[in-house]
Protein backbone atom coordinates (compact mmCIF):
# COMPACT_ATOMS: atom_id res chain seq x y z
CA VAL A 1 105.56 97.13 72.64
CA GLN A 2 102.36 97.85 73.64
CA LEU A 3 100.18 97.18 76.31
CA GLN A 4 96.10 97.48 76.07
CA ALA A 5 94.34 97.54 79.25
CA SER A 6 90.77 96.51 79.99
CA GLY A 7 88.30 95.46 81.83
CA GLY A 8 87.20 98.42 83.56
CA GLY A 9 83.40 99.85 83.57
CA LEU A 10 80.91 101.43 85.79
CA VAL A 11 80.34 99.74 89.23
CA GLN A 12 78.29 99.73 92.13
CA THR A 13 79.83 100.39 95.66
CA GLY A 14 80.82 96.54 96.89
CA GLU A 15 81.48 95.03 94.18
CA SER A 16 84.56 93.45 91.61
CA LEU A 17 86.42 94.19 88.41
CA ARG A 18 89.02 92.53 87.02
CA LEU A 19 91.21 94.65 84.77
CA SER A 20 93.39 92.79 81.94
CA CYS A 21 96.63 94.31 80.42
CA ALA A 22 98.26 92.45 77.24
CA ALA A 23 101.19 92.59 76.03
CA SER A 24 102.03 92.29 72.90
CA VAL A 25 105.52 91.00 73.33
CA SER A 26 106.07 88.18 76.01
CA ILE A 27 106.53 89.77 79.32
CA PHE A 28 109.24 87.37 80.00
CA GLY A 29 111.28 90.18 79.12
CA PHE A 30 109.45 92.68 81.77
CA ASN A 31 111.85 92.26 85.34
CA ALA A 32 108.18 93.63 86.42
CA MET A 33 104.55 95.02 85.91
CA GLY A 34 102.42 97.12 86.97
CA TRP A 35 99.48 98.98 87.55
CA TYR A 36 98.93 102.36 88.39
CA ARG A 37 95.78 104.41 88.73
CA ARG A 38 94.80 108.68 88.51
CA ALA A 39 91.55 109.70 89.86
CA PRO A 40 90.34 113.32 88.78
CA GLY A 41 92.29 115.87 90.05
CA LYS A 42 94.71 113.91 92.02
CA GLN A 43 98.25 112.43 91.05
CA ARG A 44 99.00 109.04 89.85
CA GLU A 45 99.77 106.37 91.88
CA PHE A 46 101.15 102.89 92.53
CA VAL A 47 98.24 100.44 92.88
CA ALA A 48 100.16 96.98 92.54
CA GLY A 49 103.11 95.22 90.66
CA ILE A 50 104.36 92.28 90.23
CA THR A 51 108.17 90.90 88.96
CA SER A 52 109.21 89.02 86.47
CA SER A 53 110.22 85.77 89.25
CA GLY A 54 105.65 86.03 90.70
CA SER A 55 106.88 88.58 93.65
CA THR A 56 104.23 90.96 94.51
CA ASN A 57 103.79 94.15 96.06
CA TYR A 58 100.93 96.56 96.88
CA PRO A 59 100.66 99.80 99.21
CA ASP A 60 99.61 99.45 102.35
CA SER A 61 96.15 101.17 101.56
CA MET A 62 95.35 98.32 98.41
CA LYS A 63 96.38 95.24 100.97
CA GLY A 64 93.67 92.94 101.24
CA ARG A 65 91.26 94.26 98.54
CA PHE A 66 93.61 94.20 95.11
CA THR A 67 95.31 91.46 93.58
CA ILE A 68 97.73 91.15 91.11
CA SER A 69 98.44 88.33 88.98
CA ARG A 70 100.33 87.30 85.50
CA ASP A 71 99.58 84.97 82.67
CA ASN A 72 102.58 84.04 81.23
CA ALA A 73 101.58 81.75 78.72
CA LYS A 74 98.99 85.15 77.47
CA ASN A 75 101.30 87.80 78.07
CA THR A 76 98.65 89.23 80.29
CA VAL A 77 98.62 90.56 83.92
CA TYR A 78 95.40 90.98 86.06
CA LEU A 79 94.03 93.10 88.28
CA GLN A 80 91.45 91.53 90.83
CA MET A 81 89.53 94.68 92.07
CA ASN A 82 87.43 93.67 95.52
CA ASN A 83 84.84 95.83 97.68
CA LEU A 84 85.23 98.88 95.57
CA LYS A 85 84.41 102.26 96.92
CA PRO A 86 84.20 105.08 95.36
CA GLU A 87 87.32 106.55 95.80
CA ASP A 88 88.44 103.55 93.71
CA THR A 89 87.09 105.36 90.85
CA ALA A 90 90.02 106.37 88.46
CA VAL A 91 91.58 105.53 85.42
CA TYR A 92 93.88 102.45 85.57
CA TYR A 93 97.11 101.85 83.70
CA CYS A 94 99.14 98.90 83.08
CA ASN A 95 103.02 99.70 83.03
CA ALA A 96 106.28 96.94 82.11
CA MET A 97 109.44 98.27 83.08
CA LYS A 98 112.99 96.18 81.85
CA LEU A 99 116.24 96.86 83.00
CA VAL A 100 118.45 95.70 80.02
CA PRO A 101 117.96 97.65 77.87
CA PRO A 102 116.52 99.56 80.07
CA GLY A 103 112.72 100.11 78.39
CA ASN A 104 109.41 101.78 80.17
CA TYR A 105 106.17 101.32 78.57
CA TRP A 106 102.44 102.12 79.09
CA GLY A 107 99.09 101.21 78.77
CA GLN A 108 96.42 103.06 77.47
CA GLY A 109 94.27 103.31 80.53
CA THR A 110 90.75 101.79 81.39
CA LEU A 111 87.85 103.90 83.40
CA VAL A 112 86.89 102.77 86.82
CA THR A 113 83.80 104.27 88.11
CA VAL A 114 82.40 102.82 91.26
CA SER A 115 79.67 104.84 92.31
CA SER A 116 78.11 105.29 95.60
């Protein structure tokens, strides 16, 4: 299983970006997919998740600005990020998880830099 994250870049405060995570296999096989991020000097944190049935969840700090979605036909999960802030600067990682058989997969990360 390979996850290819893309879409990162340098933006200014208040702008938007859409990240993509393309899987090398059908995403139907994953119980959940999600995005995490690691800011410089900080621990990795959960950003957004989506289950195979399409249910989504976000930490309270991400609600309202970030939206996760999936396109099953393209085997791709997206993260729409609006009204970006400098504190959103981080490397964003895509994750996919399955229960049977158990598996946890990570993409290579894509850098998002938000300038003030």
